[in-house]
C-alpha atoms as a PDB file:
ATOM      1  CA  MET A   1      72.700  21.919  28.397  1.00  0.00           C
ATOM      2  CA  LEU A   2      74.763  22.998  31.397  1.00  0.00           C
ATOM      3  CA  ASN A   3      77.549  20.918  32.823  1.00  0.00           C
ATOM      4  CA  PRO A   4      76.493  19.311  36.161  1.00  0.00           C
ATOM      5  CA  SER A   5      79.281  21.179  37.959  1.00  0.00           C
ATOM      6  CA  ALA A   6      78.330  24.383  36.157  1.00  0.00           C
ATOM      7  CA  GLY A   7      76.278  25.608  39.109  1.00  0.00           C
ATOM      8  CA  ARG A   8      79.358  26.219  41.270  1.00  0.00           C
ATOM      9  CA  GLY A   9      80.467  29.803  41.002  1.00  0.00           C
ATOM     10  CA  ALA A  10      83.798  31.397  41.763  1.00  0.00           C
ATOM     11  CA  THR A  11      85.768  34.527  41.071  1.00  0.00           C
ATOM     12  CA  VAL A  12      89.012  34.269  39.134  1.00  0.00           C
ATOM     13  CA  TRP A  13      90.838  37.589  39.538  1.00  0.00           C
ATOM     14  CA  LEU A  14      93.638  38.078  37.014  1.00  0.00           C
ATOM     15  CA  THR A  15      95.925  40.806  38.338  1.00  0.00           C
ATOM     16  CA  GLY A  16      98.997  42.179  36.625  1.00  0.00           C
ATOM     17  CA  LEU A  17     100.498  45.146  34.860  1.00  0.00           C
ATOM     18  CA  PRO A  18      98.902  46.853  31.851  1.00  0.00           C
ATOM     19  CA  SER A  19      99.494  44.719  28.720  1.00  0.00           C
ATOM     20  CA  SER A  20     100.507  41.685  30.794  1.00  0.00           C
ATOM     21  CA  GLY A  21      97.938  39.472  29.070  1.00  0.00           C
ATOM     22  CA  LYS A  22      95.130  39.505  31.643  1.00  0.00           C
ATOM     23  CA  THR A  23      92.286  40.075  29.177  1.00  0.00           C
ATOM     24  CA  THR A  24      93.742  37.730  26.572  1.00  0.00           C
ATOM     25  CA  VAL A  25      94.012  34.911  29.120  1.00  0.00           C
ATOM     26  CA  ALA A  26      90.528  35.752  30.450  1.00  0.00           C
ATOM     27  CA  GLU A  27      89.031  35.444  26.969  1.00  0.00           C
ATOM     28  CA  ALA A  28      90.756  32.107  26.320  1.00  0.00           C
ATOM     29  CA  LEU A  29      89.700  30.764  29.724  1.00  0.00           C
ATOM     30  CA  THR A  30      86.132  31.927  29.147  1.00  0.00           C
ATOM     31  CA  ALA A  31      85.966  30.206  25.758  1.00  0.00           C
ATOM     32  CA  ARG A  32      87.261  27.000  27.340  1.00  0.00           C
ATOM     33  CA  LEU A  33      84.693  27.176  30.153  1.00  0.00           C
ATOM     34  CA  ARG A  34      81.802  27.956  27.822  1.00  0.00           C
ATOM     35  CA  ALA A  35      82.796  25.047  25.589  1.00  0.00           C
ATOM     36  CA  THR A  36      82.129  22.775  28.557  1.00  0.00           C
ATOM     37  CA  HIS A  37      78.827  24.545  29.312  1.00  0.00           C
ATOM     38  CA  HIS A  38      79.849  26.507  32.381  1.00  0.00           C
ATOM     39  CA  ARG A  39      78.165  29.780  33.207  1.00  0.00           C
ATOM     40  CA  VAL A  40      80.865  32.436  33.000  1.00  0.00           C
ATOM     41  CA  GLU A  41      81.105  36.205  32.723  1.00  0.00           C
ATOM     42  CA  VAL A  42      84.122  38.405  32.109  1.00  0.00           C
ATOM     43  CA  LEU A  43      84.236  41.625  34.110  1.00  0.00           C
ATOM     44  CA  ASP A  44      86.738  43.561  32.031  1.00  0.00           C
ATOM     45  CA  GLY A  45      88.369  46.365  33.992  1.00  0.00           C
ATOM     46  CA  ASP A  46      88.062  48.976  31.240  1.00  0.00           C
ATOM     47  CA  GLU A  47      84.409  48.192  30.537  1.00  0.00           C
ATOM     48  CA  ILE A  48      83.440  48.142  34.216  1.00  0.00           C
ATOM     49  CA  ARG A  49      85.265  51.417  34.900  1.00  0.00           C
ATOM     50  CA  ILE A  50      83.246  53.109  32.144  1.00  0.00           C
ATOM     51  CA  ALA A  51      79.951  51.586  33.343  1.00  0.00           C
ATOM     52  CA  PHE A  52      80.301  51.951  37.132  1.00  0.00           C
ATOM     53  CA  SER A  53      83.210  54.216  37.909  1.00  0.00           C
ATOM     54  CA  ASP A  54      83.548  56.781  35.133  1.00  0.00           C
ATOM     55  CA  SER A  55      83.519  59.589  37.712  1.00  0.00           C
ATOM     56  CA  LEU A  56      86.597  58.133  39.414  1.00  0.00           C
ATOM     57  CA  GLY A  57      90.138  59.174  38.635  1.00  0.00           C
ATOM     58  CA  PHE A  58      93.302  57.188  39.171  1.00  0.00           C
ATOM     59  CA  SER A  59      94.295  58.212  42.682  1.00  0.00           C
ATOM     60  CA  ARG A  60      94.948  55.412  45.153  1.00  0.00           C
ATOM     61  CA  ASP A  61      91.525  55.967  46.786  1.00  0.00           C
ATOM     62  CA  ASP A  62      89.730  56.002  43.432  1.00  0.00           C
ATOM     63  CA  ARG A  63      91.516  52.860  42.243  1.00  0.00           C
ATOM     64  CA  ASN A  64      90.627  51.116  45.521  1.00  0.00           C
ATOM     65  CA  THR A  65      86.987  52.167  45.154  1.00  0.00           C
ATOM     66  CA  ASN A  66      86.911  50.826  41.600  1.00  0.00           C
ATOM     67  CA  VAL A  67      88.437  47.488  42.632  1.00  0.00           C
ATOM     68  CA  ARG A  68      85.992  47.103  45.525  1.00  0.00           C
ATOM     69  CA  ARG A  69      83.036  47.810  43.226  1.00  0.00           C
ATOM     70  CA  ILE A  70      84.223  45.223  40.736  1.00  0.00           C
ATOM     71  CA  GLY A  71      84.818  42.811  43.613  1.00  0.00           C
ATOM     72  CA  LEU A  72      81.237  43.257  44.799  1.00  0.00           C
ATOM     73  CA  VAL A  73      79.820  42.498  41.342  1.00  0.00           C
ATOM     74  CA  ALA A  74      82.126  39.475  40.983  1.00  0.00           C
ATOM     75  CA  GLU A  75      81.153  38.126  44.391  1.00  0.00           C
ATOM     76  CA  ILE A  76      77.425  38.481  43.647  1.00  0.00           C
ATOM     77  CA  LEU A  77      77.819  36.649  40.338  1.00  0.00           C
ATOM     78  CA  ALA A  78      80.003  33.939  41.866  1.00  0.00           C
ATOM     79  CA  ARG A  79      77.754  33.271  44.835  1.00  0.00           C
ATOM     80  CA  ASN A  80      74.921  32.811  42.338  1.00  0.00           C
ATOM     81  CA  GLY A  81      76.674  30.047  40.400  1.00  0.00           C
ATOM     82  CA  ILE A  82      78.563  32.024  37.763  1.00  0.00           C
ATOM     83  CA  ILE A  83      82.308  31.933  37.258  1.00  0.00           C
ATOM     84  CA  ALA A  84      83.347  35.585  37.222  1.00  0.00           C
ATOM     85  CA  VAL A  85      86.608  36.071  35.364  1.00  0.00           C
ATOM     86  CA  VAL A  86      88.052  39.454  36.295  1.00  0.00           C
ATOM     87  CA  PRO A  87      91.043  40.779  34.313  1.00  0.00           C
ATOM     88  CA  VAL A  88      91.687  43.910  36.389  1.00  0.00           C
ATOM     89  CA  ILE A  89      95.058  45.396  37.359  1.00  0.00           C
ATOM     90  CA  ALA A  90      94.109  45.956  41.029  1.00  0.00           C
ATOM     91  CA  PRO A  91      97.521  47.424  41.838  1.00  0.00           C
ATOM     92  CA  TYR A  92      97.233  47.586  45.627  1.00  0.00           C
ATOM     93  CA  ALA A  93      97.433  44.633  47.990  1.00  0.00           C
ATOM     94  CA  ASP A  94      94.901  46.108  50.423  1.00  0.00           C
ATOM     95  CA  SER A  95      92.143  46.392  47.824  1.00  0.00           C
ATOM     96  CA  ARG A  96      92.814  42.850  46.573  1.00  0.00           C
ATOM     97  CA  ALA A  97      92.690  41.648  50.190  1.00  0.00           C
ATOM     98  CA  ALA A  98      89.360  43.419  50.702  1.00  0.00           C
ATOM     99  CA  VAL A  99      87.894  41.627  47.678  1.00  0.00           C
ATOM    100  CA  ARG A 100      89.218  38.283  48.932  1.00  0.00           C
ATOM    101  CA  GLU A 101      87.739  38.992  52.380  1.00  0.00           C
ATOM    102  CA  ARG A 102      84.314  39.839  50.872  1.00  0.00           C
ATOM    103  CA  HIS A 103      84.317  36.464  49.151  1.00  0.00           C
ATOM    104  CA  ALA A 104      85.444  34.650  52.292  1.00  0.00           C
ATOM    105  CA  LYS A 105      82.628  36.194  54.338  1.00  0.00           C
ATOM    106  CA  SER A 106      80.040  34.822  51.935  1.00  0.00           C
ATOM    107  CA  GLY A 107      81.819  31.474  51.508  1.00  0.00           C
ATOM    108  CA  THR A 108      82.361  32.190  47.821  1.00  0.00           C
ATOM    109  CA  PRO A 109      85.436  30.694  46.125  1.00  0.00           C
ATOM    110  CA  TYR A 110      87.993  33.302  45.096  1.00  0.00           C
ATOM    111  CA  PHE A 111      91.215  32.724  43.186  1.00  0.00           C
ATOM    112  CA  GLU A 112      93.888  35.336  42.651  1.00  0.00           C
ATOM    113  CA  VAL A 113      95.975  34.728  39.550  1.00  0.00           C
ATOM    114  CA  HIS A 114      99.056  36.881  39.143  1.00  0.00           C
ATOM    115  CA  VAL A 115      99.804  37.430  35.476  1.00  0.00           C
ATOM    116  CA  ALA A 116     103.484  38.021  36.192  1.00  0.00           C
ATOM    117  CA  THR A 117     104.690  39.508  32.942  1.00  0.00           C
ATOM    118  CA  PRO A 118     107.740  41.768  33.365  1.00  0.00           C
ATOM    119  CA  VAL A 119     107.221  45.482  32.711  1.00  0.00           C
ATOM    120  CA  GLU A 120     109.759  45.344  29.864  1.00  0.00           C
ATOM    121  CA  VAL A 121     107.616  42.778  28.031  1.00  0.00           C
ATOM    122  CA  CYS A 122     104.437  44.733  28.758  1.00  0.00           C
ATOM    123  CA  ALA A 123     106.033  47.899  27.350  1.00  0.00           C
ATOM    124  CA  VAL A 124     106.846  46.088  24.104  1.00  0.00           C
ATOM    125  CA  ARG A 125     103.301  44.706  23.837  1.00  0.00           C
ATOM    126  CA  ASP A 126     101.807  48.112  24.802  1.00  0.00           C
ATOM    127  CA  VAL A 127      98.332  47.110  23.654  1.00  0.00           C
ATOM    128  CA  LYS A 128      96.764  50.494  24.467  1.00  0.00           C
ATOM    129  CA  GLY A 129      99.786  52.704  23.852  1.00  0.00           C
ATOM    130  CA  LEU A 130     100.071  53.559  27.557  1.00  0.00           C
ATOM    131  CA  TYR A 131     103.791  52.924  27.889  1.00  0.00           C
ATOM    132  CA  ALA A 132     104.546  55.018  24.786  1.00  0.00           C
ATOM    133  CA  ARG A 133     102.390  57.869  26.116  1.00  0.00           C
ATOM    134  CA  GLN A 134     104.107  57.663  29.506  1.00  0.00           C
ATOM    135  CA  ALA A 135     107.575  57.665  27.889  1.00  0.00           C
ATOM    136  CA  ALA A 136     106.577  60.738  25.844  1.00  0.00           C
ATOM    137  CA  GLY A 137     105.462  62.560  28.999  1.00  0.00           C
ATOM    138  CA  ALA A 138     101.799  62.555  27.963  1.00  0.00           C
ATOM    139  CA  LEU A 139     100.703  60.205  30.763  1.00  0.00           C
ATOM    140  CA  THR A 140     101.533  59.975  34.440  1.00  0.00           C
ATOM    141  CA  GLY A 141     100.467  57.436  37.024  1.00  0.00           C
ATOM    142  CA  LEU A 142     101.096  54.366  34.870  1.00  0.00           C
ATOM    143  CA  THR A 143     100.879  51.297  37.071  1.00  0.00           C
ATOM    144  CA  GLY A 144     104.240  49.613  37.429  1.00  0.00           C
ATOM    145  CA  VAL A 145     106.167  52.546  35.964  1.00  0.00           C
ATOM    146  CA  ASP A 146     105.475  55.727  37.911  1.00  0.00           C
ATOM    147  CA  ASP A 147     102.658  54.414  40.107  1.00  0.00           C
ATOM    148  CA  PRO A 148     103.118  51.336  42.286  1.00  0.00           C
ATOM    149  CA  TYR A 149     102.037  47.807  41.541  1.00  0.00           C
ATOM    150  CA  GLU A 150     102.216  45.786  44.738  1.00  0.00           C
ATOM    151  CA  LEU A 151     103.115  42.242  43.758  1.00  0.00           C
ATOM    152  CA  PRO A 152     100.835  39.537  45.136  1.00  0.00           C
ATOM    153  CA  THR A 153     102.736  37.703  47.850  1.00  0.00           C
ATOM    154  CA  ALA A 154     100.654  34.516  47.848  1.00  0.00           C
ATOM    155  CA  PRO A 155      98.502  34.247  44.728  1.00  0.00           C
ATOM    156  CA  ASP A 156      96.636  31.023  44.087  1.00  0.00           C
ATOM    157  CA  LEU A 157      98.483  30.818  40.786  1.00  0.00           C
ATOM    158  CA  ARG A 158     101.242  32.755  39.070  1.00  0.00           C
ATOM    159  CA  ILE A 159     101.525  32.599  35.293  1.00  0.00           C
ATOM    160  CA  ASN A 160     104.254  34.011  33.079  1.00  0.00           C
ATOM    161  CA  THR A 161     102.626  34.839  29.771  1.00  0.00           C
ATOM    162  CA  GLN A 162     105.948  35.672  28.148  1.00  0.00           C
ATOM    163  CA  LEU A 163     107.081  32.059  28.670  1.00  0.00           C
ATOM    164  CA  GLN A 164     103.974  30.212  27.468  1.00  0.00           C
ATOM    165  CA  THR A 165     101.216  30.462  24.914  1.00  0.00           C
ATOM    166  CA  VAL A 166      97.819  31.949  25.665  1.00  0.00           C
ATOM    167  CA  ALA A 167      96.342  28.439  25.527  1.00  0.00           C
ATOM    168  CA  GLN A 168      98.888  27.201  28.074  1.00  0.00           C
ATOM    169  CA  SER A 169      98.125  30.123  30.388  1.00  0.00           C
ATOM    170  CA  ALA A 170      94.365  29.530  30.142  1.00  0.00           C
ATOM    171  CA  TYR A 171      94.926  25.811  30.690  1.00  0.00           C
ATOM    172  CA  ALA A 172      96.886  26.520  33.891  1.00  0.00           C
ATOM    173  CA  VAL A 173      94.002  28.605  35.270  1.00  0.00           C
ATOM    174  CA  HIS A 174      91.499  25.940  34.197  1.00  0.00           C
ATOM    175  CA  GLN A 175      93.583  23.309  36.006  1.00  0.00           C
ATOM    176  CA  LEU A 176      93.459  25.408  39.178  1.00  0.00           C
ATOM    177  CA  LEU A 177      89.665  25.502  38.935  1.00  0.00           C
ATOM    178  CA  ALA A 178      89.553  21.751  38.319  1.00  0.00           C
ATOM    179  CA  GLU A 179      91.825  21.047  41.303  1.00  0.00           C
ATOM    180  CA  ARG A 180      89.557  23.162  43.503  1.00  0.00           C
ATOM    181  CA  ARG A 181      86.462  21.366  42.139  1.00  0.00           C
ATOM    182  CA  ILE A 182      84.928  24.419  40.526  1.00  0.00           C
ATOM    183  CA  VAL A 183      84.893  22.811  37.061  1.00  0.00           C
END
């Protein structure tokens, strides 16, 4: 049985550096939402890139195209009553603004959450081995190291995963959704 408020969709965009904790927080948030019978989908950046954007590289234009595609899918889901949780780096402010604007035009709630984990912490976590490959000279264009990550200037929420547990981070995002009457 669905929760009575479960019909209200929204997009929760978790932006941050590689290995900042975006996907981990997204999974914990999703479990919390599903436990209360909300309709929710995770649009994981790596999975979506393979499915919709595998022909794209990692130039600024290609990254912007990828983010806009993911934003379109998220907005469609959200306007149809699903909470779309999107753990995607989205390194450039202009592409994040375009996604926010798409949501605003359709009247669809959109929340930008900056997973503000310092690059030094991300490099230690190095979930995918990207920082090690970059340090060894086997990878260029790593967001936040040798390719820019434009910090969100006014996110709806900023979380510091190095200072709190995954559960606390997911709870903070859930509280944002509760305050905005999404859940």
